[in-house]
Structure formats: C-alpha cells, structure tokens
Amino acid sequence: MKDIKRSTSRDGHIQAQPGVRDEVAAFVQKVGQLARPNTAEDGRLLFAMDATMSRQPTWDMALTLQAGMFEALPRDAALQVQLLYFRGMGECRASKWVLDAKALARLMSGIVCQGGNTQIGKVFAHARDESRKRRINAVVFVGDAIEENVDSLAAKAGELGLMGLPLFLFQEGHDSRVEAAFREFARLSKGAYARFDSSAPQQLAELLKAVAAYASGGRAHLKLQSSQAARALLTQIEGR
C-alpha cells in the first residue's frame, strides 16, 4: 500500500426502519441512470473506508460484504478495484488496482482500526488524481463522521462531478450533520447516498453489488440485477 500525502478532520450511530427499503430502492435506481463506462476498458471502482476507531464494531461485517459485491457481476465483466483507507494520525493508504476479489479481501483483512480524525478530503483528492491518470467509474465511501470543513469537501465533490466521477456515500449512524453533508456530496458529484446499516446486511450487500455492477458495465449490467436494491438505485441518479 502507498501513503497518500495531504491533510485532514469527525462525529456519528444506526437503525433499520421501513423507510430504509424505499431509500435503498431509490439509491439503486439512481445508479442505473449514470453513463455507461467505456466497454473497451475494465471498469474501475475506488472503495474507500474510514478505518478510525468508531468503525470497529462493523469492520468485520464490512470485510465480508465487500466480497459479495463481485458476486453481482456477469462472468464477462472486468472490474478493477482499489482499496483506500484512513486511520490514526494522518495515515491514508491506497492499494494497487486489483482484478481479484480475493486479493482485495486479503488486503482488507490485514487492516486494523485506529483512533484518529477523518481524512475525507484526501479520499476525494486521491480519486481526482487517479481518475486524471485513467478514468475511475465510481467511488464508494463508507464512513460515520466528518471533522473537516464541509464547504471545502463540497468543492472537491463538485470537482469530481465535473469529471464525471460519481460518489456513492454510505453513512453509518444517524448523525444529521453527516447525513446532510454526504447527501450534498452525492448531489454535487451526481452520485448517490444510502445508509450503511449493520442491522440489515442483506440490503447493504445489494447496494454494494449494484454499485459494482454499474462500475463494471454501467446501466446495462445494473439492469441485470434483480434485487429491489438494484432496481431502486436508478432513481436517485436520475434526479441529478
């Protein structure tokens, strides 16, 4: 893994209610409205995670769910994934781009949560820089807090939107400030927002699979998904 140089800043908690189902549906439907990636190239998905101490209770579940993303892909799909995480005192690292889900799972299994501030600005900046080298089709970010300047992060999210790089933001917990910011980042990047609900792992797995399907083949691959979550992700994006 390589270190990402730059700088940073946090708050957040969970539940699963009837409204979650509608939110999941909207999230999945929205994804399908995005433009189809260039089929002459592998799709590329940046999977970024807050690995600070507040995430520890759901960390093992996240490791399991990410592997399920790849089960949604057609056999002829090619999806490269890069793992990025931040934790501790300014540590922010990115893996190599990998095609093998098992290789990514092995990388994730070695990460341990550590106390520290959020570094979402580094995530957005890394996504921008990597996509300038070669297009990234989607960014997934899972987190529960923001300790950085929200306006500054919003500017970076808007920049990603202008590049055609959508952010798919999963919020753990119900911190209203975090939710408002994540929804704004999704709007500005023409992406989507949903809850990272540890009490509904099946719904979360369907959401992650839907994003992976989009990143590997856009709307066409997403439409192959039969889950309620996949059908719904198309709506949120359509409204951008």
C-alpha atoms as a PDB file:
ATOM      1  CA  MET A   1       0.000   0.000   0.000  1.00  0.00           C
ATOM      2  CA  LYS A   2       1.180   3.531  -0.713  1.00  0.00           C
ATOM      3  CA  ASP A   3       0.805   6.542   1.571  1.00  0.00           C
ATOM      4  CA  ILE A   4      -1.235   9.479   0.287  1.00  0.00           C
ATOM      5  CA  LYS A   5       0.240  12.805   1.325  1.00  0.00           C
ATOM      6  CA  ARG A   6      -2.083  15.668   2.325  1.00  0.00           C
ATOM      7  CA  SER A   7      -4.089  16.698   5.369  1.00  0.00           C
ATOM      8  CA  THR A   8      -7.448  16.378   7.371  1.00  0.00           C
ATOM      9  CA  SER A   9     -10.528  16.142  10.315  1.00  0.00           C
ATOM     10  CA  ARG A  10     -15.191  13.771  12.810  1.00  0.00           C
ATOM     11  CA  ASP A  11     -18.754  12.742  14.808  1.00  0.00           C
ATOM     12  CA  GLY A  12     -21.793   9.779  14.370  1.00  0.00           C
ATOM     13  CA  HIS A  13     -24.719   5.942  15.021  1.00  0.00           C
ATOM     14  CA  ILE A  14     -27.730   3.126  13.486  1.00  0.00           C
ATOM     15  CA  GLN A  15     -31.235   1.607  12.935  1.00  0.00           C
ATOM     16  CA  ALA A  16     -33.338  -0.092  10.209  1.00  0.00           C
ATOM     17  CA  GLN A  17     -36.897   1.101   9.672  1.00  0.00           C
ATOM     18  CA  PRO A  18     -39.493   0.619   6.899  1.00  0.00           C
ATOM     19  CA  GLY A  19     -38.276   3.799   5.185  1.00  0.00           C
ATOM     20  CA  VAL A  20     -34.862   2.194   4.665  1.00  0.00           C
ATOM     21  CA  ARG A  21     -36.363  -0.054   1.995  1.00  0.00           C
ATOM     22  CA  ASP A  22     -37.510   2.963  -0.044  1.00  0.00           C
ATOM     23  CA  GLU A  23     -34.138   4.647   0.416  1.00  0.00           C
ATOM     24  CA  VAL A  24     -32.364   1.523  -0.809  1.00  0.00           C
ATOM     25  CA  ALA A  25     -34.684   1.352  -3.813  1.00  0.00           C
ATOM     26  CA  ALA A  26     -34.048   4.975  -4.717  1.00  0.00           C
ATOM     27  CA  PHE A  27     -30.283   4.557  -4.305  1.00  0.00           C
ATOM     28  CA  VAL A  28     -30.079   1.558  -6.590  1.00  0.00           C
ATOM     29  CA  GLN A  29     -32.315   3.059  -9.239  1.00  0.00           C
ATOM     30  CA  LYS A  30     -30.211   6.201  -9.296  1.00  0.00           C
ATOM     31  CA  VAL A  31     -27.032   4.294 -10.153  1.00  0.00           C
ATOM     32  CA  GLY A  32     -28.551   2.975 -13.351  1.00  0.00           C
ATOM     33  CA  GLN A  33     -29.034   6.479 -14.753  1.00  0.00           C
ATOM     34  CA  LEU A  34     -25.293   7.072 -14.919  1.00  0.00           C
ATOM     35  CA  ALA A  35     -23.490   6.896 -18.239  1.00  0.00           C
ATOM     36  CA  ARG A  36     -22.130   3.501 -19.247  1.00  0.00           C
ATOM     37  CA  PRO A  37     -18.346   3.165 -18.841  1.00  0.00           C
ATOM     38  CA  ASN A  38     -16.156   2.541 -21.889  1.00  0.00           C
ATOM     39  CA  THR A  39     -16.645  -1.174 -22.520  1.00  0.00           C
ATOM     40  CA  ALA A  40     -13.257  -1.361 -24.253  1.00  0.00           C
ATOM     41  CA  GLU A  41     -11.649  -0.972 -20.832  1.00  0.00           C
ATOM     42  CA  ASP A  42     -12.057  -2.612 -17.448  1.00  0.00           C
ATOM     43  CA  GLY A  43     -14.375  -0.744 -15.099  1.00  0.00           C
ATOM     44  CA  ARG A  44     -12.563   0.847 -12.151  1.00  0.00           C
ATOM     45  CA  LEU A  45     -14.041   1.240  -8.670  1.00  0.00           C
ATOM     46  CA  LEU A  46     -12.323   3.040  -5.782  1.00  0.00           C
ATOM     47  CA  PHE A  47     -13.509   1.581  -2.461  1.00  0.00           C
ATOM     48  CA  ALA A  48     -12.648   3.969   0.378  1.00  0.00           C
ATOM     49  CA  MET A  49     -13.266   3.412   4.075  1.00  0.00           C
ATOM     50  CA  ASP A  50     -12.962   5.289   7.326  1.00  0.00           C
ATOM     51  CA  ALA A  51     -10.865   2.938   9.485  1.00  0.00           C
ATOM     52  CA  THR A  52     -10.874   5.049  12.633  1.00  0.00           C
ATOM     53  CA  MET A  53     -11.862   3.521  15.956  1.00  0.00           C
ATOM     54  CA  SER A  54     -15.593   4.329  15.819  1.00  0.00           C
ATOM     55  CA  ARG A  55     -15.913   1.944  12.852  1.00  0.00           C
ATOM     56  CA  GLN A  56     -14.532  -1.062  14.758  1.00  0.00           C
ATOM     57  CA  PRO A  57     -17.951  -2.618  15.644  1.00  0.00           C
ATOM     58  CA  THR A  58     -18.886  -3.039  11.955  1.00  0.00           C
ATOM     59  CA  TRP A  59     -15.439  -3.591  10.479  1.00  0.00           C
ATOM     60  CA  ASP A  60     -15.655  -7.398  10.240  1.00  0.00           C
ATOM     61  CA  MET A  61     -19.041  -7.158   8.533  1.00  0.00           C
ATOM     62  CA  ALA A  62     -17.661  -4.683   6.004  1.00  0.00           C
ATOM     63  CA  LEU A  63     -14.872  -7.081   5.094  1.00  0.00           C
ATOM     64  CA  THR A  64     -17.443  -9.792   4.375  1.00  0.00           C
ATOM     65  CA  LEU A  65     -19.824  -7.560   2.428  1.00  0.00           C
ATOM     66  CA  GLN A  66     -17.238  -6.184   0.036  1.00  0.00           C
ATOM     67  CA  ALA A  67     -16.536  -9.667  -1.287  1.00  0.00           C
ATOM     68  CA  GLY A  68     -20.247 -10.008  -2.082  1.00  0.00           C
ATOM     69  CA  MET A  69     -20.027  -7.028  -4.443  1.00  0.00           C
ATOM     70  CA  PHE A  70     -18.304  -9.166  -7.038  1.00  0.00           C
ATOM     71  CA  GLU A  71     -20.961 -11.883  -6.978  1.00  0.00           C
ATOM     72  CA  ALA A  72     -23.283  -9.483  -8.820  1.00  0.00           C
ATOM     73  CA  LEU A  73     -21.060  -9.167 -11.863  1.00  0.00           C
ATOM     74  CA  PRO A  74     -21.675 -11.084 -15.101  1.00  0.00           C
ATOM     75  CA  ARG A  75     -18.922 -13.576 -15.871  1.00  0.00           C
ATOM     76  CA  ASP A  76     -17.601 -11.461 -18.743  1.00  0.00           C
ATOM     77  CA  ALA A  77     -17.375  -8.330 -16.572  1.00  0.00           C
ATOM     78  CA  ALA A  78     -13.958  -6.939 -15.723  1.00  0.00           C
ATOM     79  CA  LEU A  79     -13.754  -4.697 -12.676  1.00  0.00           C
ATOM     80  CA  GLN A  80     -10.580  -3.327 -11.169  1.00  0.00           C
ATOM     81  CA  VAL A  81     -10.863  -2.231  -7.544  1.00  0.00           C
ATOM     82  CA  GLN A  82      -8.556  -0.142  -5.426  1.00  0.00           C
ATOM     83  CA  LEU A  83      -8.857  -0.095  -1.647  1.00  0.00           C
ATOM     84  CA  LEU A  84      -8.187   3.144   0.203  1.00  0.00           C
ATOM     85  CA  TYR A  85      -8.467   3.679   3.952  1.00  0.00           C
ATOM     86  CA  PHE A  86      -7.542   6.275   6.542  1.00  0.00           C
ATOM     87  CA  ARG A  87      -6.944   5.977  10.271  1.00  0.00           C
ATOM     88  CA  GLY A  88      -4.685   7.143  13.091  1.00  0.00           C
ATOM     89  CA  MET A  89      -2.591  10.299  12.952  1.00  0.00           C
ATOM     90  CA  GLY A  90      -2.799  11.246   9.281  1.00  0.00           C
ATOM     91  CA  GLU A  91      -2.344   7.746   7.872  1.00  0.00           C
ATOM     92  CA  CYS A  92      -4.069   7.335   4.490  1.00  0.00           C
ATOM     93  CA  ARG A  93      -3.098   4.443   2.233  1.00  0.00           C
ATOM     94  CA  ALA A  94      -4.169   3.089  -1.137  1.00  0.00           C
ATOM     95  CA  SER A  95      -3.627  -0.399  -2.523  1.00  0.00           C
ATOM     96  CA  LYS A  96      -2.726  -1.307  -6.080  1.00  0.00           C
ATOM     97  CA  TRP A  97      -5.594  -1.774  -8.546  1.00  0.00           C
ATOM     98  CA  VAL A  98      -6.636  -5.431  -8.454  1.00  0.00           C
ATOM     99  CA  LEU A  99      -8.991  -7.623 -10.518  1.00  0.00           C
ATOM    100  CA  ASP A 100      -9.128 -10.434  -7.971  1.00  0.00           C
ATOM    101  CA  ALA A 101     -11.772 -10.012  -5.238  1.00  0.00           C
ATOM    102  CA  LYS A 102      -9.899 -12.471  -3.036  1.00  0.00           C
ATOM    103  CA  ALA A 103      -6.768 -10.357  -3.301  1.00  0.00           C
ATOM    104  CA  LEU A 104      -8.721  -7.319  -2.153  1.00  0.00           C
ATOM    105  CA  ALA A 105     -10.278  -9.299   0.706  1.00  0.00           C
ATOM    106  CA  ARG A 106      -6.792 -10.316   1.811  1.00  0.00           C
ATOM    107  CA  LEU A 107      -5.690  -6.685   1.779  1.00  0.00           C
ATOM    108  CA  MET A 108      -8.708  -5.611   3.832  1.00  0.00           C
ATOM    109  CA  SER A 109      -8.321  -8.420   6.347  1.00  0.00           C
ATOM    110  CA  GLY A 110      -4.973  -7.008   7.402  1.00  0.00           C
ATOM    111  CA  ILE A 111      -6.339  -3.550   8.304  1.00  0.00           C
ATOM    112  CA  VAL A 112      -6.996  -2.758  11.959  1.00  0.00           C
ATOM    113  CA  CYS A 113      -8.992   0.280  13.085  1.00  0.00           C
ATOM    114  CA  GLN A 114      -7.099   3.032  14.932  1.00  0.00           C
ATOM    115  CA  GLY A 115      -8.189   6.233  16.634  1.00  0.00           C
ATOM    116  CA  GLY A 116      -7.846   9.438  14.637  1.00  0.00           C
ATOM    117  CA  ASN A 117      -9.631  12.157  12.679  1.00  0.00           C
ATOM    118  CA  THR A 118     -11.436  11.851   9.360  1.00  0.00           C
ATOM    119  CA  GLN A 119      -9.473  12.383   6.136  1.00  0.00           C
ATOM    120  CA  ILE A 120     -12.256  12.571   3.552  1.00  0.00           C
ATOM    121  CA  GLY A 121     -10.502  15.396   1.725  1.00  0.00           C
ATOM    122  CA  LYS A 122      -7.620  13.025   0.989  1.00  0.00           C
ATOM    123  CA  VAL A 123     -10.069  10.452  -0.381  1.00  0.00           C
ATOM    124  CA  PHE A 124     -11.627  12.959  -2.807  1.00  0.00           C
ATOM    125  CA  ALA A 125      -8.235  14.345  -3.856  1.00  0.00           C
ATOM    126  CA  HIS A 126      -6.860  10.843  -4.462  1.00  0.00           C
ATOM    127  CA  ALA A 127      -9.920   9.938  -6.559  1.00  0.00           C
ATOM    128  CA  ARG A 128      -9.414  13.093  -8.646  1.00  0.00           C
ATOM    129  CA  ASP A 129      -5.708  12.445  -9.197  1.00  0.00           C
ATOM    130  CA  GLU A 130      -6.166   8.756 -10.038  1.00  0.00           C
ATOM    131  CA  SER A 131      -9.011   9.491 -12.460  1.00  0.00           C
ATOM    132  CA  ARG A 132      -6.857  12.023 -14.279  1.00  0.00           C
ATOM    133  CA  LYS A 133      -4.351   9.235 -14.959  1.00  0.00           C
ATOM    134  CA  ARG A 134      -7.062   6.830 -16.092  1.00  0.00           C
ATOM    135  CA  ARG A 135     -10.796   7.132 -15.648  1.00  0.00           C
ATOM    136  CA  ILE A 136     -12.413   5.787 -12.476  1.00  0.00           C
ATOM    137  CA  ASN A 137     -16.077   4.859 -12.978  1.00  0.00           C
ATOM    138  CA  ALA A 138     -17.281   5.134  -9.374  1.00  0.00           C
ATOM    139  CA  VAL A 139     -16.111   5.864  -5.831  1.00  0.00           C
ATOM    140  CA  VAL A 140     -17.642   4.139  -2.799  1.00  0.00           C
ATOM    141  CA  PHE A 141     -17.020   5.752   0.578  1.00  0.00           C
ATOM    142  CA  VAL A 142     -18.153   4.284   3.894  1.00  0.00           C
ATOM    143  CA  GLY A 143     -17.912   6.464   6.987  1.00  0.00           C
ATOM    144  CA  ASP A 144     -19.698   7.749  10.081  1.00  0.00           C
ATOM    145  CA  ALA A 145     -18.236  11.195  10.757  1.00  0.00           C
ATOM    146  CA  ILE A 146     -16.832  14.446   9.370  1.00  0.00           C
ATOM    147  CA  GLU A 147     -14.256  16.577  11.185  1.00  0.00           C
ATOM    148  CA  GLU A 148     -13.207  18.617   8.175  1.00  0.00           C
ATOM    149  CA  ASN A 149     -14.511  21.790   6.573  1.00  0.00           C
ATOM    150  CA  VAL A 150     -17.695  20.728   4.790  1.00  0.00           C
ATOM    151  CA  ASP A 151     -17.566  23.561   2.242  1.00  0.00           C
ATOM    152  CA  SER A 152     -14.053  22.542   1.230  1.00  0.00           C
ATOM    153  CA  LEU A 153     -15.147  18.914   0.842  1.00  0.00           C
ATOM    154  CA  ALA A 154     -18.194  20.012  -1.167  1.00  0.00           C
ATOM    155  CA  ALA A 155     -15.922  21.882  -3.584  1.00  0.00           C
ATOM    156  CA  LYS A 156     -13.880  18.716  -4.103  1.00  0.00           C
ATOM    157  CA  ALA A 157     -17.053  16.652  -4.605  1.00  0.00           C
ATOM    158  CA  GLY A 158     -18.233  19.161  -7.211  1.00  0.00           C
ATOM    159  CA  GLU A 159     -14.910  18.850  -8.995  1.00  0.00           C
ATOM    160  CA  LEU A 160     -15.395  15.078  -9.181  1.00  0.00           C
ATOM    161  CA  GLY A 161     -18.879  15.653 -10.580  1.00  0.00           C
ATOM    162  CA  LEU A 162     -17.450  17.822 -13.358  1.00  0.00           C
ATOM    163  CA  MET A 163     -15.045  14.982 -14.161  1.00  0.00           C
ATOM    164  CA  GLY A 164     -17.937  12.533 -14.438  1.00  0.00           C
ATOM    165  CA  LEU A 165     -16.835  10.642 -11.327  1.00  0.00           C
ATOM    166  CA  PRO A 166     -19.838   9.878  -9.061  1.00  0.00           C
ATOM    167  CA  LEU A 167     -19.516   9.387  -5.304  1.00  0.00           C
ATOM    168  CA  PHE A 168     -21.595   6.649  -3.641  1.00  0.00           C
ATOM    169  CA  LEU A 169     -21.640   7.588   0.029  1.00  0.00           C
ATOM    170  CA  PHE A 170     -22.670   5.123   2.729  1.00  0.00           C
ATOM    171  CA  GLN A 171     -23.287   6.647   6.152  1.00  0.00           C
ATOM    172  CA  GLU A 172     -23.008   4.551   9.284  1.00  0.00           C
ATOM    173  CA  GLY A 173     -25.155   6.017  12.035  1.00  0.00           C
ATOM    174  CA  HIS A 174     -27.707   8.821  12.066  1.00  0.00           C
ATOM    175  CA  ASP A 175     -25.703  11.979  12.694  1.00  0.00           C
ATOM    176  CA  SER A 176     -27.827  14.616  10.911  1.00  0.00           C
ATOM    177  CA  ARG A 177     -24.850  16.832  10.091  1.00  0.00           C
ATOM    178  CA  VAL A 178     -23.008  13.944   8.460  1.00  0.00           C
ATOM    179  CA  GLU A 179     -26.128  12.929   6.538  1.00  0.00           C
ATOM    180  CA  ALA A 180     -26.661  16.448   5.177  1.00  0.00           C
ATOM    181  CA  ALA A 181     -23.036  16.645   4.062  1.00  0.00           C
ATOM    182  CA  PHE A 182     -22.978  13.178   2.475  1.00  0.00           C
ATOM    183  CA  ARG A 183     -26.202  13.927   0.589  1.00  0.00           C
ATOM    184  CA  GLU A 184     -24.696  17.169  -0.697  1.00  0.00           C
ATOM    185  CA  PHE A 185     -21.509  15.396  -1.822  1.00  0.00           C
ATOM    186  CA  ALA A 186     -23.665  12.860  -3.678  1.00  0.00           C
ATOM    187  CA  ARG A 187     -25.681  15.640  -5.342  1.00  0.00           C
ATOM    188  CA  LEU A 188     -22.614  17.607  -6.410  1.00  0.00           C
ATOM    189  CA  SER A 189     -20.822  14.548  -7.824  1.00  0.00           C
ATOM    190  CA  LYS A 190     -24.028  13.202  -9.446  1.00  0.00           C
ATOM    191  CA  GLY A 191     -23.760  10.092  -7.311  1.00  0.00           C
ATOM    192  CA  ALA A 192     -25.978   8.676  -4.569  1.00  0.00           C
ATOM    193  CA  TYR A 193     -26.374   8.379  -0.777  1.00  0.00           C
ATOM    194  CA  ALA A 194     -27.509   5.487   1.428  1.00  0.00           C
ATOM    195  CA  ARG A 195     -27.120   4.221   4.984  1.00  0.00           C
ATOM    196  CA  PHE A 196     -24.500   1.680   5.950  1.00  0.00           C
ATOM    197  CA  ASP A 197     -26.918  -0.300   8.114  1.00  0.00           C
ATOM    198  CA  SER A 198     -25.254  -3.113  10.035  1.00  0.00           C
ATOM    199  CA  SER A 199     -28.669  -4.384  11.160  1.00  0.00           C
ATOM    200  CA  ALA A 200     -29.657  -5.012   7.519  1.00  0.00           C
ATOM    201  CA  PRO A 201     -26.587  -6.686   5.970  1.00  0.00           C
ATOM    202  CA  GLN A 202     -28.539  -8.151   3.046  1.00  0.00           C
ATOM    203  CA  GLN A 203     -29.766  -4.711   1.944  1.00  0.00           C
ATOM    204  CA  LEU A 204     -26.282  -3.298   2.269  1.00  0.00           C
ATOM    205  CA  ALA A 205     -24.799  -6.164   0.248  1.00  0.00           C
ATOM    206  CA  GLU A 206     -27.355  -5.499  -2.517  1.00  0.00           C
ATOM    207  CA  LEU A 207     -26.428  -1.825  -2.592  1.00  0.00           C
ATOM    208  CA  LEU A 208     -22.723  -2.587  -2.869  1.00  0.00           C
ATOM    209  CA  LYS A 209     -23.360  -5.165  -5.589  1.00  0.00           C
ATOM    210  CA  ALA A 210     -25.395  -2.611  -7.532  1.00  0.00           C
ATOM    211  CA  VAL A 211     -22.562  -0.075  -7.463  1.00  0.00           C
ATOM    212  CA  ALA A 212     -20.063  -2.768  -8.516  1.00  0.00           C
ATOM    213  CA  ALA A 213     -22.349  -3.750 -11.396  1.00  0.00           C
ATOM    214  CA  TYR A 214     -22.531  -0.128 -12.544  1.00  0.00           C
ATOM    215  CA  ALA A 215     -18.760   0.391 -12.295  1.00  0.00           C
ATOM    216  CA  SER A 216     -18.073  -2.691 -14.421  1.00  0.00           C
ATOM    217  CA  GLY A 217     -20.650  -2.058 -17.118  1.00  0.00           C
ATOM    218  CA  GLY A 218     -22.905   0.877 -16.380  1.00  0.00           C
ATOM    219  CA  ARG A 219     -26.666   0.771 -16.731  1.00  0.00           C
ATOM    220  CA  ALA A 220     -26.668  -2.395 -18.846  1.00  0.00           C
ATOM    221  CA  HIS A 221     -25.029  -4.507 -16.134  1.00  0.00           C
ATOM    222  CA  LEU A 222     -27.065  -2.904 -13.389  1.00  0.00           C
ATOM    223  CA  LYS A 223     -30.282  -3.847 -15.169  1.00  0.00           C
ATOM    224  CA  LEU A 224     -29.216  -7.494 -14.950  1.00  0.00           C
ATOM    225  CA  GLN A 225     -29.605  -7.252 -11.172  1.00  0.00           C
ATOM    226  CA  SER A 226     -32.978  -8.472  -9.940  1.00  0.00           C
ATOM    227  CA  SER A 227     -32.780  -7.230  -6.342  1.00  0.00           C
ATOM    228  CA  GLN A 228     -35.042  -4.486  -5.053  1.00  0.00           C
ATOM    229  CA  ALA A 229     -31.924  -2.552  -4.084  1.00  0.00           C
ATOM    230  CA  ALA A 230     -30.588  -2.715  -7.641  1.00  0.00           C
ATOM    231  CA  ARG A 231     -33.892  -1.620  -9.164  1.00  0.00           C
ATOM    232  CA  ALA A 232     -34.092   1.355  -6.828  1.00  0.00           C
ATOM    233  CA  LEU A 233     -30.581   2.799  -7.206  1.00  0.00           C
ATOM    234  CA  LEU A 234     -31.577   4.048 -10.697  1.00  0.00           C
ATOM    235  CA  THR A 235     -33.960   6.745  -9.315  1.00  0.00           C
ATOM    236  CA  GLN A 236     -31.610   8.799  -7.165  1.00  0.00           C
ATOM    237  CA  ILE A 237     -29.178   9.374 -10.030  1.00  0.00           C
ATOM    238  CA  GLU A 238     -31.928  10.271 -12.469  1.00  0.00           C
ATOM    239  CA  GLY A 239     -32.773  13.357 -10.435  1.00  0.00           C
ATOM    240  CA  ARG A 240     -29.259  14.860 -10.599  1.00  0.00           C
END
